[in-house]
Amino acid sequence: MGYWRDKVVLVTGGSSGLGRVLAEAFVQAQARLALVGLEPDAVCAAAEELRATGASVVGLRADLTRQEDVERVFSETLQRFGRLDVLVNNAGRSMRGRVADTTPEQFRELLELNLIALVRCTRAALPHLLSRRGHVVNVGSLAAKSAARWVGAYPATKFAVAAYSQQLRLELGPQGLHVLLVCPGPIARAEPRLYPLEGLEDVPETARQPGAGVKVRPIPPQWLARRILRACEQRRPELVVPAKARWLFAIAQLWPRLGDWLVLRNT
């Protein structure tokens, strides 16, 4: 019997992008799935497509910045499946803009989605995950380890996700909880995309691309999803892709000036 057979997985931001691919990877591994997203039509369509493969899937629309929506999502998941083995905190977004022009209100708005919503979901899931030695997967970014230019409040929110993930590992790892922080570079897309600017300021067009112009090859999402499932099975603490980015992170910690120079040279 496979590792994921009949396990119950809840994926936030599961109706599109990497979350949608992760949802598909889990059901292909014979897990049961709660797929959570913001847009009702997209959630319904994604859930129907996955159910058509014979998978056990429930689609749930929710605004995860609202505590009542979070409570409803976990209540309905437990009513449907009776347990929870994995929480994938994938919901979030990036932004583009100069940091000096990014307002406190914009910082607060992005923190609400990228960090506070993740904390809400994790707190709701913890009692159920601890009882099953389950998994929390926090989808961060290379920006969770090293900041970049022209991305406004985004790195600050993802650094916070990395710190929260470490706190969970330190405090709850001894009780059996597995926490995986995923730090990927830009994800490959079928169609080119430019991120909209958050204000009136101008930034280089290359910075509006996925990865904010970082000089790394886009990551195939299906390949990344398989790596994430495998990292959970191995109960690894982190998954950084590309792995060579770890050298930059280590250098930046030891020699910040050199780290800044490398970031400027490679973005």
Protein backbone atom coordinates (compact mmCIF):
# COMPACT_ATOMS: atom_id res chain seq x y z
CA MET A 1 0.00 0.00 0.00
CA GLY A 2 1.38 3.42 -0.97
CA TYR A 3 2.27 6.00 1.64
CA TRP A 4 -0.52 8.41 0.64
CA ARG A 5 -3.34 5.92 0.11
CA ASP A 6 -6.48 7.15 1.94
CA LYS A 7 -4.64 9.95 3.73
CA VAL A 8 -6.64 13.19 3.91
CA VAL A 9 -4.92 16.26 2.46
CA LEU A 10 -6.14 19.86 2.57
CA VAL A 11 -4.58 22.17 -0.04
CA THR A 12 -5.19 25.92 0.16
CA GLY A 13 -4.93 27.88 -3.06
CA GLY A 14 -5.67 24.56 -4.71
CA SER A 15 -7.74 25.68 -7.68
CA SER A 16 -4.88 27.07 -9.78
CA GLY A 17 -1.12 27.25 -10.20
CA LEU A 18 1.14 25.11 -8.05
CA GLY A 19 -1.71 24.36 -5.64
CA ARG A 20 -3.74 22.79 -8.45
CA VAL A 21 -0.78 20.66 -9.52
CA LEU A 22 -0.15 19.59 -5.92
CA ALA A 23 -3.80 18.62 -5.55
CA GLU A 24 -3.52 16.45 -8.65
CA ALA A 25 -0.30 14.84 -7.38
CA PHE A 26 -1.91 13.88 -4.08
CA VAL A 27 -5.00 12.33 -5.66
CA GLN A 28 -2.81 10.44 -8.13
CA ALA A 29 -1.06 9.01 -5.06
CA GLN A 30 -4.55 7.89 -3.86
CA ALA A 31 -5.00 10.49 -1.14
CA ARG A 32 -8.39 12.02 -0.35
CA LEU A 33 -8.52 15.76 -0.91
CA ALA A 34 -10.07 18.95 0.39
CA LEU A 35 -9.37 21.62 -2.24
CA VAL A 36 -9.72 25.20 -1.00
CA GLY A 37 -9.77 28.34 -3.13
CA LEU A 38 -11.16 31.85 -3.28
CA GLU A 39 -13.06 31.85 -6.59
CA PRO A 40 -16.18 29.62 -6.51
CA ASP A 41 -16.17 28.76 -10.21
CA ALA A 42 -12.49 27.81 -10.22
CA VAL A 43 -12.88 25.68 -7.08
CA CYS A 44 -15.89 23.88 -8.52
CA ALA A 45 -14.19 23.23 -11.87
CA ALA A 46 -10.97 21.93 -10.28
CA ALA A 47 -12.84 19.65 -7.88
CA GLU A 48 -15.02 18.24 -10.68
CA GLU A 49 -11.99 17.53 -12.87
CA LEU A 50 -10.27 15.63 -10.06
CA ARG A 51 -13.43 13.72 -9.10
CA ALA A 52 -13.73 12.62 -12.73
CA THR A 53 -10.55 10.58 -12.21
CA GLY A 54 -12.29 8.61 -9.45
CA ALA A 55 -10.70 10.55 -6.58
CA SER A 56 -12.48 11.48 -3.35
CA VAL A 57 -12.47 15.29 -3.47
CA VAL A 58 -14.42 18.08 -1.82
CA GLY A 59 -14.11 21.64 -3.14
CA LEU A 60 -14.43 24.44 -0.61
CA ARG A 61 -14.63 28.16 -1.35
CA ALA A 62 -13.10 30.33 1.38
CA ASP A 63 -11.44 33.66 2.11
CA LEU A 64 -8.69 32.47 4.44
CA THR A 65 -8.15 35.95 5.86
CA ARG A 66 -11.52 35.47 7.62
CA GLN A 67 -11.45 33.30 10.75
CA GLU A 68 -15.04 32.13 10.24
CA ASP A 69 -14.18 30.84 6.76
CA VAL A 70 -11.18 28.96 8.11
CA GLU A 71 -13.28 27.33 10.84
CA ARG A 72 -15.92 26.31 8.29
CA VAL A 73 -13.33 24.79 5.94
CA PHE A 74 -11.85 22.55 8.64
CA SER A 75 -15.26 21.65 10.04
CA GLU A 76 -16.54 20.56 6.60
CA THR A 77 -13.32 18.65 5.86
CA LEU A 78 -13.57 16.70 9.11
CA GLN A 79 -17.28 16.06 8.60
CA ARG A 80 -16.56 14.66 5.15
CA PHE A 81 -13.44 12.62 5.86
CA GLY A 82 -13.27 12.22 9.65
CA ARG A 83 -9.57 13.03 9.90
CA LEU A 84 -6.73 15.20 8.55
CA ASP A 85 -3.21 14.03 7.74
CA VAL A 86 -1.70 16.89 5.71
CA LEU A 87 -2.16 20.64 5.50
CA VAL A 88 -0.61 22.35 2.48
CA ASN A 89 -0.46 26.11 3.04
CA ASN A 90 -0.14 27.21 -0.56
CA ALA A 91 -2.51 30.20 -0.74
CA GLY A 92 -0.69 33.50 -1.20
CA ARG A 93 0.45 36.01 -3.76
CA SER A 94 3.44 38.08 -4.78
CA MET A 95 3.57 41.79 -5.64
CA ARG A 96 5.70 44.26 -7.57
CA GLY A 97 6.79 47.75 -6.58
CA ARG A 98 9.60 49.72 -4.97
CA VAL A 99 9.90 49.04 -1.26
CA ALA A 100 10.16 52.76 -0.42
CA ASP A 101 6.83 53.29 -2.19
CA THR A 102 5.11 50.29 -0.59
CA THR A 103 2.72 51.62 2.03
CA PRO A 104 2.13 50.20 5.51
CA GLU A 105 -1.37 49.29 4.34
CA GLN A 106 0.08 47.23 1.48
CA PHE A 107 2.42 45.47 3.90
CA ARG A 108 -0.53 44.70 6.17
CA GLU A 109 -2.69 43.38 3.32
CA LEU A 110 0.00 41.03 2.04
CA LEU A 111 0.87 39.84 5.55
CA GLU A 112 -2.80 38.99 6.13
CA LEU A 113 -2.79 36.57 3.22
CA ASN A 114 0.77 35.25 3.11
CA LEU A 115 1.33 34.87 6.86
CA ILE A 116 -1.75 35.41 9.05
CA ALA A 117 -4.04 33.23 6.91
CA LEU A 118 -1.36 30.52 7.01
CA VAL A 119 -1.24 30.80 10.81
CA ARG A 120 -5.05 30.60 11.02
CA CYS A 121 -5.10 27.39 8.97
CA THR A 122 -2.19 25.83 10.83
CA ARG A 123 -3.73 26.49 14.25
CA ALA A 124 -7.01 24.94 13.10
CA ALA A 125 -5.20 21.86 11.76
CA LEU A 126 -2.73 21.22 14.58
CA PRO A 127 -4.87 19.13 16.97
CA HIS A 128 -5.77 16.75 14.13
CA LEU A 129 -2.28 16.59 12.64
CA LEU A 130 -0.57 15.99 15.98
CA SER A 131 -2.81 13.02 16.69
CA ARG A 132 -1.71 11.43 13.40
CA ARG A 133 1.95 12.50 13.22
CA GLY A 134 0.87 14.49 10.20
CA HIS A 135 2.45 17.04 7.90
CA VAL A 136 2.35 20.82 7.47
CA VAL A 137 3.70 22.01 4.12
CA ASN A 138 4.35 25.76 3.99
CA VAL A 139 4.97 27.00 0.46
CA GLY A 140 7.44 29.85 0.72
CA SER A 141 9.79 31.13 -1.96
CA LEU A 142 13.45 31.81 -2.59
CA ALA A 143 12.39 35.20 -1.21
CA ALA A 144 11.88 33.49 2.16
CA LYS A 145 15.66 33.19 2.36
CA SER A 146 16.98 36.18 0.42
CA ALA A 147 15.25 39.45 -0.46
CA ALA A 148 15.23 40.96 -3.93
CA ARG A 149 14.52 44.29 -5.55
CA TRP A 150 11.16 45.57 -6.81
CA VAL A 151 8.94 43.10 -4.93
CA GLY A 152 7.51 45.41 -2.28
CA ALA A 153 6.32 43.63 0.86
CA TYR A 154 6.68 40.11 -0.53
CA PRO A 155 10.06 39.08 0.98
CA ALA A 156 9.08 40.34 4.44
CA THR A 157 5.98 38.10 4.38
CA LYS A 158 7.89 35.05 3.19
CA PHE A 159 10.76 35.53 5.68
CA ALA A 160 8.03 35.43 8.33
CA VAL A 161 6.71 32.14 6.94
CA ALA A 162 10.21 30.66 7.19
CA ALA A 163 10.55 31.76 10.83
CA TYR A 164 7.10 30.40 11.70
CA SER A 165 7.96 27.07 10.08
CA GLN A 166 11.11 26.78 12.18
CA GLN A 167 9.19 27.60 15.36
CA LEU A 168 6.70 24.85 14.57
CA ARG A 169 9.52 22.37 13.99
CA LEU A 170 11.27 23.28 17.24
CA GLU A 171 8.17 23.21 19.46
CA LEU A 172 6.00 20.52 17.85
CA GLY A 173 8.49 18.35 15.99
CA PRO A 174 9.24 16.39 19.20
CA GLN A 175 5.49 15.68 19.45
CA GLY A 176 5.45 14.09 16.01
CA LEU A 177 4.49 16.96 13.70
CA HIS A 178 6.42 17.16 10.42
CA VAL A 179 6.85 20.66 8.99
CA LEU A 180 8.23 21.18 5.48
CA LEU A 181 9.17 24.65 4.22
CA VAL A 182 9.25 24.74 0.42
CA CYS A 183 11.36 27.52 -1.13
CA PRO A 184 11.04 27.37 -4.93
CA GLY A 185 12.21 29.74 -7.59
CA PRO A 186 9.83 30.85 -10.37
CA ILE A 187 7.35 28.19 -11.49
CA ALA A 188 7.05 27.47 -15.22
CA ARG A 189 3.75 28.57 -16.77
CA ALA A 190 2.05 27.70 -20.02
CA GLU A 191 1.45 31.39 -20.77
CA PRO A 192 3.85 34.33 -20.15
CA ARG A 193 2.87 36.54 -17.24
CA LEU A 194 3.72 40.02 -16.03
CA TYR A 195 2.80 40.92 -12.46
CA PRO A 196 0.80 44.14 -12.16
CA LEU A 197 2.33 47.06 -10.31
CA GLU A 198 0.84 47.82 -6.91
CA GLY A 199 1.24 51.58 -7.31
CA LEU A 200 2.15 54.25 -9.83
CA GLU A 201 5.91 53.81 -9.55
CA ASP A 202 7.95 52.35 -12.40
CA VAL A 203 10.11 49.23 -12.09
CA PRO A 204 12.05 47.33 -14.78
CA GLU A 205 9.82 45.12 -16.89
CA THR A 206 12.04 42.12 -16.17
CA ALA A 207 11.20 42.52 -12.49
CA ARG A 208 7.51 42.08 -13.32
CA GLN A 209 8.17 38.55 -14.57
CA PRO A 210 7.86 35.46 -12.31
CA GLY A 211 10.86 35.39 -9.99
CA ALA A 212 11.32 39.17 -10.34
CA GLY A 213 14.06 38.66 -12.90
CA VAL A 214 16.08 36.06 -10.99
CA LYS A 215 18.45 34.22 -13.34
CA VAL A 216 17.28 30.66 -12.76
CA ARG A 217 15.41 28.28 -15.03
CA PRO A 218 11.63 28.10 -14.36
CA ILE A 219 10.66 24.99 -12.39
CA PRO A 220 8.24 22.47 -13.95
CA PRO A 221 5.34 22.36 -11.46
CA GLN A 222 4.63 18.63 -11.85
CA TRP A 223 8.28 17.84 -11.07
CA LEU A 224 8.19 20.13 -8.04
CA ALA A 225 4.98 18.53 -6.78
CA ARG A 226 6.62 15.09 -6.89
CA ARG A 227 9.60 16.47 -4.97
CA ILE A 228 7.28 17.90 -2.30
CA LEU A 229 5.46 14.60 -1.80
CA ARG A 230 8.77 12.78 -1.54
CA ALA A 231 10.14 15.33 0.95
CA CYS A 232 7.06 14.73 3.11
CA GLU A 233 7.59 10.99 3.02
CA GLN A 234 11.19 11.56 4.13
CA ARG A 235 10.02 14.14 6.72
CA ARG A 236 12.57 16.67 5.51
CA PRO A 237 12.55 20.15 7.11
CA GLU A 238 13.16 22.16 3.93
CA LEU A 239 13.11 21.88 0.17
CA VAL A 240 14.99 24.61 -1.71
CA VAL A 241 14.79 24.59 -5.52
CA PRO A 242 17.19 25.10 -7.18
CA ALA A 243 19.39 23.54 -4.51
CA LYS A 244 22.39 25.67 -5.52
CA ALA A 245 20.57 28.72 -4.11
CA ARG A 246 21.56 27.44 -0.66
CA TRP A 247 25.10 28.67 -1.38
CA LEU A 248 23.79 32.21 -1.83
CA PHE A 249 21.80 31.99 1.41
CA ALA A 250 24.82 30.73 3.36
CA ILE A 251 27.11 33.42 1.90
CA ALA A 252 24.56 36.15 2.65
CA GLN A 253 24.44 35.08 6.30
CA LEU A 254 28.21 35.02 6.70
CA TRP A 255 29.10 38.00 4.49
CA PRO A 256 26.05 40.27 3.90
CA ARG A 257 27.88 42.66 1.59
CA LEU A 258 28.96 39.81 -0.67
CA GLY A 259 25.46 38.36 -0.49
CA ASP A 260 23.95 41.65 -1.64
CA TRP A 261 26.42 41.83 -4.52
CA LEU A 262 25.48 38.32 -5.64
CA VAL A 263 21.76 39.13 -5.50
CA LEU A 264 22.31 42.29 -7.60
CA ARG A 265 24.39 40.31 -10.10
CA ASN A 266 21.91 37.47 -10.47
CA THR A 267 18.64 39.42 -10.68
